[in-house]
């Protein structure tokens, strides 16, 4: 199987799972997000707990970014 086709299938399956999850949990939902601009994270969310989780993920990404960057230098 071609790796590009596999990637497209995985993206389509992901969209379908998100759509199904949205339909099934139409009640009280909370969301958050993380935008990385270079190594700087910007986190947002509908509750403080979600925002803290997003910032934790951002911190892990920053650490990974610097470890990989140092190893390749």
PDB file of N, CA and C in Angstrom:
ATOM      1  N   UNK A   1       0.847  -1.183   0.000  1.00  0.00           N
ATOM      2  CA  UNK A   1       0.000   0.000   0.000  1.00  0.00           C
ATOM      3  C   UNK A   1       0.889   1.241   0.000  1.00  0.00           C
ATOM      4  N   UNK A   2       0.537   2.168  -0.801  1.00  0.00           N
ATOM      5  CA  UNK A   2       1.284   3.408  -0.906  1.00  0.00           C
ATOM      6  C   UNK A   2       1.131   4.208   0.381  1.00  0.00           C
ATOM      7  N   UNK A   3       2.210   4.785   0.871  1.00  0.00           N
ATOM      8  CA  UNK A   3       2.181   5.511   2.139  1.00  0.00           C
ATOM      9  C   UNK A   3       1.321   6.774   2.057  1.00  0.00           C
ATOM     10  N   UNK A   4       1.213   7.367   0.890  1.00  0.00           N
ATOM     11  CA  UNK A   4       0.365   8.555   0.725  1.00  0.00           C
ATOM     12  C   UNK A   4      -1.108   8.163   0.860  1.00  0.00           C
ATOM     13  N   UNK A   5      -1.493   7.044   0.256  1.00  0.00           N
ATOM     14  CA  UNK A   5      -2.870   6.576   0.394  1.00  0.00           C
ATOM     15  C   UNK A   5      -3.178   6.239   1.845  1.00  0.00           C
ATOM     16  N   UNK A   6      -2.223   5.630   2.538  1.00  0.00           N
ATOM     17  CA  UNK A   6      -2.422   5.300   3.946  1.00  0.00           C
ATOM     18  C   UNK A   6      -2.633   6.570   4.769  1.00  0.00           C
ATOM     19  N   UNK A   7      -1.863   7.606   4.500  1.00  0.00           N
ATOM     20  CA  UNK A   7      -2.021   8.869   5.198  1.00  0.00           C
ATOM     21  C   UNK A   7      -3.381   9.499   4.952  1.00  0.00           C
ATOM     22  N   UNK A   8      -3.828   9.453   3.709  1.00  0.00           N
ATOM     23  CA  UNK A   8      -5.142  10.011   3.375  1.00  0.00           C
ATOM     24  C   UNK A   8      -6.248   9.234   4.081  1.00  0.00           C
ATOM     25  N   UNK A   9      -6.132   7.910   4.109  1.00  0.00           N
ATOM     26  CA  UNK A   9      -7.133   7.094   4.797  1.00  0.00           C
ATOM     27  C   UNK A   9      -7.155   7.403   6.288  1.00  0.00           C
ATOM     28  N   UNK A  10      -5.984   7.566   6.904  1.00  0.00           N
ATOM     29  CA  UNK A  10      -5.930   7.870   8.333  1.00  0.00           C
ATOM     30  C   UNK A  10      -6.555   9.235   8.638  1.00  0.00           C
ATOM     31  N   UNK A  11      -6.330  10.204   7.778  1.00  0.00           N
ATOM     32  CA  UNK A  11      -6.936  11.524   7.969  1.00  0.00           C
ATOM     33  C   UNK A  11      -8.452  11.429   7.855  1.00  0.00           C
ATOM     34  N   UNK A  12      -8.945  10.705   6.863  1.00  0.00           N
ATOM     35  CA  UNK A  12     -10.392  10.556   6.699  1.00  0.00           C
ATOM     36  C   UNK A  12     -11.020   9.821   7.879  1.00  0.00           C
ATOM     37  N   UNK A  13     -10.341   8.804   8.389  1.00  0.00           N
ATOM     38  CA  UNK A  13     -10.846   8.083   9.560  1.00  0.00           C
ATOM     39  C   UNK A  13     -10.866   9.014  10.773  1.00  0.00           C
ATOM     40  N   UNK A  14      -9.842   9.845  10.913  1.00  0.00           N
ATOM     41  CA  UNK A  14      -9.804  10.810  12.013  1.00  0.00           C
ATOM     42  C   UNK A  14     -10.953  11.796  11.941  1.00  0.00           C
ATOM     43  N   UNK A  15     -11.224  12.332  10.752  1.00  0.00           N
ATOM     44  CA  UNK A  15     -12.357  13.246  10.584  1.00  0.00           C
ATOM     45  C   UNK A  15     -13.666  12.550  10.946  1.00  0.00           C
ATOM     46  N   UNK A  16     -13.824  11.311  10.505  1.00  0.00           N
ATOM     47  CA  UNK A  16     -15.053  10.579  10.798  1.00  0.00           C
ATOM     48  C   UNK A  16     -15.206  10.358  12.302  1.00  0.00           C
ATOM     49  N   UNK A  17     -14.125  10.012  12.998  1.00  0.00           N
ATOM     50  CA  UNK A  17     -14.198   9.800  14.442  1.00  0.00           C
ATOM     51  C   UNK A  17     -14.543  11.089  15.180  1.00  0.00           C
ATOM     52  N   UNK A  18     -13.973  12.201  14.754  1.00  0.00           N
ATOM     53  CA  UNK A  18     -14.299  13.487  15.384  1.00  0.00           C
ATOM     54  C   UNK A  18     -15.763  13.836  15.144  1.00  0.00           C
ATOM     55  N   UNK A  19     -16.249  13.612  13.939  1.00  0.00           N
ATOM     56  CA  UNK A  19     -17.646  13.893  13.633  1.00  0.00           C
ATOM     57  C   UNK A  19     -18.577  13.025  14.471  1.00  0.00           C
ATOM     58  N   UNK A  20     -18.282  11.745  14.580  1.00  0.00           N
ATOM     59  CA  UNK A  20     -19.111  10.840  15.382  1.00  0.00           C
ATOM     60  C   UNK A  20     -19.066  11.243  16.851  1.00  0.00           C
ATOM     61  N   UNK A  21     -17.885  11.586  17.357  1.00  0.00           N
ATOM     62  CA  UNK A  21     -17.766  12.024  18.741  1.00  0.00           C
ATOM     63  C   UNK A  21     -18.536  13.295  19.012  1.00  0.00           C
ATOM     64  N   UNK A  22     -18.544  14.206  18.071  1.00  0.00           N
ATOM     65  CA  UNK A  22     -19.283  15.459  18.221  1.00  0.00           C
ATOM     66  C   UNK A  22     -20.783  15.198  18.261  1.00  0.00           C
ATOM     67  N   UNK A  23     -21.243  14.312  17.426  1.00  0.00           N
ATOM     68  CA  UNK A  23     -22.672  14.007  17.389  1.00  0.00           C
ATOM     69  C   UNK A  23     -23.105  13.291  18.664  1.00  0.00           C
ATOM     70  N   UNK A  24     -22.299  12.361  19.154  1.00  0.00           N
ATOM     71  CA  UNK A  24     -22.678  11.572  20.327  1.00  0.00           C
ATOM     72  C   UNK A  24     -22.587  12.360  21.625  1.00  0.00           C
ATOM     73  N   UNK A  25     -21.717  13.343  21.706  1.00  0.00           N
ATOM     74  CA  UNK A  25     -21.564  14.101  22.956  1.00  0.00           C
ATOM     75  C   UNK A  25     -22.001  15.540  22.759  1.00  0.00           C
ATOM     76  N   UNK A  26     -23.203  15.735  22.297  1.00  0.00           N
ATOM     77  CA  UNK A  26     -23.702  17.077  22.005  1.00  0.00           C
ATOM     78  C   UNK A  26     -24.049  17.855  23.262  1.00  0.00           C
ATOM     79  N   UNK A  27     -23.921  17.263  24.443  1.00  0.00           N
ATOM     80  CA  UNK A  27     -24.245  17.934  25.695  1.00  0.00           C
ATOM     81  C   UNK A  27     -23.165  18.919  26.091  1.00  0.00           C
ATOM     82  N   UNK A  28     -22.697  18.801  27.314  1.00  0.00           N
ATOM     83  CA  UNK A  28     -21.665  19.733  27.796  1.00  0.00           C
ATOM     84  C   UNK A  28     -20.287  19.228  27.376  1.00  0.00           C
ATOM     85  N   UNK A  29     -19.667  19.970  26.549  1.00  0.00           N
ATOM     86  CA  UNK A  29     -18.337  19.620  26.084  1.00  0.00           C
ATOM     87  C   UNK A  29     -17.389  20.765  26.378  1.00  0.00           C
ATOM     88  N   UNK A  30     -16.135  20.426  26.533  1.00  0.00           N
ATOM     89  CA  UNK A  30     -15.104  21.447  26.702  1.00  0.00           C
ATOM     90  C   UNK A  30     -14.013  21.158  25.682  1.00  0.00           C
ATOM     91  N   UNK A  31     -13.350  22.198  25.253  1.00  0.00           N
ATOM     92  CA  UNK A  31     -12.309  22.017  24.265  1.00  0.00           C
ATOM     93  C   UNK A  31     -11.147  22.941  24.582  1.00  0.00           C
ATOM     94  N   UNK A  32     -10.043  22.624  23.976  1.00  0.00           N
ATOM     95  CA  UNK A  32      -8.851  23.443  24.122  1.00  0.00           C
ATOM     96  C   UNK A  32      -7.970  23.243  22.915  1.00  0.00           C
ATOM     97  N   UNK A  33      -6.983  24.093  22.811  1.00  0.00           N
ATOM     98  CA  UNK A  33      -6.095  23.986  21.674  1.00  0.00           C
ATOM     99  C   UNK A  33      -4.724  24.530  21.997  1.00  0.00           C
ATOM    100  N   UNK A  34      -3.806  24.225  21.132  1.00  0.00           N
ATOM    101  CA  UNK A  34      -2.427  24.660  21.291  1.00  0.00           C
ATOM    102  C   UNK A  34      -1.910  25.066  19.927  1.00  0.00           C
ATOM    103  N   UNK A  35      -1.416  26.288  19.847  1.00  0.00           N
ATOM    104  CA  UNK A  35      -0.817  26.786  18.614  1.00  0.00           C
ATOM    105  C   UNK A  35       0.662  26.990  18.891  1.00  0.00           C
ATOM    106  N   UNK A  36       1.504  26.386  18.067  1.00  0.00           N
ATOM    107  CA  UNK A  36       2.952  26.539  18.223  1.00  0.00           C
ATOM    108  C   UNK A  36       3.457  27.505  17.158  1.00  0.00           C
ATOM    109  N   UNK A  37       4.064  28.596  17.606  1.00  0.00           N
ATOM    110  CA  UNK A  37       4.719  29.536  16.703  1.00  0.00           C
ATOM    111  C   UNK A  37       6.205  29.413  16.991  1.00  0.00           C
ATOM    112  N   UNK A  38       6.865  28.596  16.161  1.00  0.00           N
ATOM    113  CA  UNK A  38       8.253  28.243  16.464  1.00  0.00           C
ATOM    114  C   UNK A  38       8.246  27.427  17.747  1.00  0.00           C
ATOM    115  N   UNK A  39       9.108  27.755  18.695  1.00  0.00           N
ATOM    116  CA  UNK A  39       9.096  27.014  19.959  1.00  0.00           C
ATOM    117  C   UNK A  39       8.183  27.640  21.019  1.00  0.00           C
ATOM    118  N   UNK A  40       7.371  28.614  20.657  1.00  0.00           N
ATOM    119  CA  UNK A  40       6.543  29.316  21.637  1.00  0.00           C
ATOM    120  C   UNK A  40       5.104  28.811  21.545  1.00  0.00           C
ATOM    121  N   UNK A  41       4.577  28.237  22.658  1.00  0.00           N
ATOM    122  CA  UNK A  41       3.208  27.736  22.628  1.00  0.00           C
ATOM    123  C   UNK A  41       2.191  28.808  23.030  1.00  0.00           C
ATOM    124  N   UNK A  42       1.030  28.769  22.399  1.00  0.00           N
ATOM    125  CA  UNK A  42      -0.101  29.600  22.788  1.00  0.00           C
ATOM    126  C   UNK A  42      -1.255  28.632  23.044  1.00  0.00           C
ATOM    127  N   UNK A  43      -1.696  28.554  24.299  1.00  0.00           N
ATOM    128  CA  UNK A  43      -2.739  27.606  24.676  1.00  0.00           C
ATOM    129  C   UNK A  43      -4.038  28.345  24.953  1.00  0.00           C
ATOM    130  N   UNK A  44      -5.158  27.686  24.652  1.00  0.00           N
ATOM    131  CA  UNK A  44      -6.466  28.243  24.947  1.00  0.00           C
ATOM    132  C   UNK A  44      -7.420  27.107  25.250  1.00  0.00           C
ATOM    133  N   UNK A  45      -8.477  27.416  25.956  1.00  0.00           N
ATOM    134  CA  UNK A  45      -9.462  26.405  26.282  1.00  0.00           C
ATOM    135  C   UNK A  45     -10.682  27.011  26.917  1.00  0.00           C
ATOM    136  N   UNK A  46     -11.715  26.184  27.079  1.00  0.00           N
ATOM    137  CA  UNK A  46     -12.958  26.652  27.670  1.00  0.00           C
ATOM    138  C   UNK A  46     -12.943  26.559  29.190  1.00  0.00           C
ATOM    139  N   UNK A  47     -11.988  25.844  29.752  1.00  0.00           N
ATOM    140  CA  UNK A  47     -11.868  25.745  31.204  1.00  0.00           C
ATOM    141  C   UNK A  47     -10.387  25.807  31.575  1.00  0.00           C
ATOM    142  N   UNK A  48     -10.097  26.211  32.803  1.00  0.00           N
ATOM    143  CA  UNK A  48      -8.687  26.278  33.228  1.00  0.00           C
ATOM    144  C   UNK A  48      -7.981  24.920  33.162  1.00  0.00           C
ATOM    145  N   UNK A  49      -8.704  23.844  33.430  1.00  0.00           N
ATOM    146  CA  UNK A  49      -8.081  22.518  33.418  1.00  0.00           C
ATOM    147  C   UNK A  49      -7.600  22.153  32.010  1.00  0.00           C
ATOM    148  N   UNK A  50      -8.421  22.410  31.030  1.00  0.00           N
ATOM    149  CA  UNK A  50      -8.056  22.113  29.638  1.00  0.00           C
ATOM    150  C   UNK A  50      -6.875  22.975  29.207  1.00  0.00           C
ATOM    151  N   UNK A  51      -6.872  24.241  29.619  1.00  0.00           N
ATOM    152  CA  UNK A  51      -5.778  25.133  29.256  1.00  0.00           C
ATOM    153  C   UNK A  51      -4.463  24.672  29.873  1.00  0.00           C
ATOM    154  N   UNK A  52      -4.500  24.209  31.125  1.00  0.00           N
ATOM    155  CA  UNK A  52      -3.289  23.709  31.776  1.00  0.00           C
ATOM    156  C   UNK A  52      -2.785  22.457  31.070  1.00  0.00           C
ATOM    157  N   UNK A  53      -3.679  21.592  30.653  1.00  0.00           N
ATOM    158  CA  UNK A  53      -3.267  20.391  29.915  1.00  0.00           C
ATOM    159  C   UNK A  53      -2.610  20.782  28.594  1.00  0.00           C
ATOM    160  N   UNK A  54      -3.185  21.752  27.885  1.00  0.00           N
ATOM    161  CA  UNK A  54      -2.610  22.206  26.621  1.00  0.00           C
ATOM    162  C   UNK A  54      -1.232  22.820  26.845  1.00  0.00           C
ATOM    163  N   UNK A  55      -1.065  23.583  27.927  1.00  0.00           N
ATOM    164  CA  UNK A  55       0.253  24.168  28.217  1.00  0.00           C
ATOM    165  C   UNK A  55       1.266  23.073  28.563  1.00  0.00           C
ATOM    166  N   UNK A  56       0.829  22.017  29.246  1.00  0.00           N
ATOM    167  CA  UNK A  56       1.722  20.893  29.538  1.00  0.00           C
ATOM    168  C   UNK A  56       2.196  20.212  28.265  1.00  0.00           C
ATOM    169  N   UNK A  57       1.288  20.029  27.331  1.00  0.00           N
ATOM    170  CA  UNK A  57       1.663  19.449  26.038  1.00  0.00           C
ATOM    171  C   UNK A  57       2.626  20.383  25.311  1.00  0.00           C
ATOM    172  N   UNK A  58       2.361  21.690  25.380  1.00  0.00           N
ATOM    173  CA  UNK A  58       3.264  22.672  24.767  1.00  0.00           C
ATOM    174  C   UNK A  58       4.657  22.622  25.372  1.00  0.00           C
ATOM    175  N   UNK A  59       4.728  22.473  26.697  1.00  0.00           N
ATOM    176  CA  UNK A  59       6.027  22.369  27.362  1.00  0.00           C
ATOM    177  C   UNK A  59       6.788  21.128  26.900  1.00  0.00           C
ATOM    178  N   UNK A  60       6.087  20.012  26.778  1.00  0.00           N
ATOM    179  CA  UNK A  60       6.731  18.798  26.273  1.00  0.00           C
ATOM    180  C   UNK A  60       7.234  18.983  24.844  1.00  0.00           C
ATOM    181  N   UNK A  61       6.464  19.688  24.023  1.00  0.00           N
ATOM    182  CA  UNK A  61       6.903  19.940  22.652  1.00  0.00           C
ATOM    183  C   UNK A  61       8.126  20.850  22.609  1.00  0.00           C
ATOM    184  N   UNK A  62       8.182  21.849  23.495  1.00  0.00           N
ATOM    185  CA  UNK A  62       9.355  22.736  23.552  1.00  0.00           C
ATOM    186  C   UNK A  62      10.595  21.943  23.941  1.00  0.00           C
ATOM    187  N   UNK A  63      10.468  21.106  24.962  1.00  0.00           N
ATOM    188  CA  UNK A  63      11.604  20.295  25.414  1.00  0.00           C
ATOM    189  C   UNK A  63      12.074  19.378  24.290  1.00  0.00           C
ATOM    190  N   UNK A  64      11.130  18.734  23.603  1.00  0.00           N
ATOM    191  CA  UNK A  64      11.482  17.864  22.481  1.00  0.00           C
ATOM    192  C   UNK A  64      12.167  18.652  21.370  1.00  0.00           C
ATOM    193  N   UNK A  65      11.663  19.842  21.095  1.00  0.00           N
ATOM    194  CA  UNK A  65      12.234  20.701  20.048  1.00  0.00           C
ATOM    195  C   UNK A  65      13.705  21.010  20.357  1.00  0.00           C
ATOM    196  N   UNK A  66      13.988  21.385  21.602  1.00  0.00           N
ATOM    197  CA  UNK A  66      15.359  21.744  21.949  1.00  0.00           C
ATOM    198  C   UNK A  66      16.277  20.522  22.024  1.00  0.00           C
ATOM    199  N   UNK A  67      15.766  19.386  22.461  1.00  0.00           N
ATOM    200  CA  UNK A  67      16.595  18.170  22.499  1.00  0.00           C
ATOM    201  C   UNK A  67      16.964  17.741  21.095  1.00  0.00           C
ATOM    202  N   UNK A  68      16.005  17.727  20.187  1.00  0.00           N
ATOM    203  CA  UNK A  68      16.283  17.329  18.807  1.00  0.00           C
ATOM    204  C   UNK A  68      17.204  18.342  18.134  1.00  0.00           C
ATOM    205  N   UNK A  69      16.963  19.640  18.387  1.00  0.00           N
ATOM    206  CA  UNK A  69      17.797  20.679  17.804  1.00  0.00           C
ATOM    207  C   UNK A  69      19.236  20.606  18.283  1.00  0.00           C
ATOM    208  N   UNK A  70      19.444  20.286  19.548  1.00  0.00           N
ATOM    209  CA  UNK A  70      20.792  20.180  20.089  1.00  0.00           C
ATOM    210  C   UNK A  70      21.519  18.962  19.533  1.00  0.00           C
ATOM    211  N   UNK A  71      20.779  17.867  19.340  1.00  0.00           N
ATOM    212  CA  UNK A  71      21.405  16.651  18.838  1.00  0.00           C
ATOM    213  C   UNK A  71      21.819  16.802  17.369  1.00  0.00           C
ATOM    214  N   UNK A  72      21.060  17.575  16.590  1.00  0.00           N
ATOM    215  CA  UNK A  72      21.374  17.750  15.172  1.00  0.00           C
ATOM    216  C   UNK A  72      22.422  18.824  14.916  1.00  0.00           C
ATOM    217  N   UNK A  73      22.762  19.612  15.916  1.00  0.00           N
ATOM    218  CA  UNK A  73      23.725  20.701  15.719  1.00  0.00           C
ATOM    219  C   UNK A  73      25.156  20.217  15.708  1.00  0.00           C
TER     220      UNK A  73
END
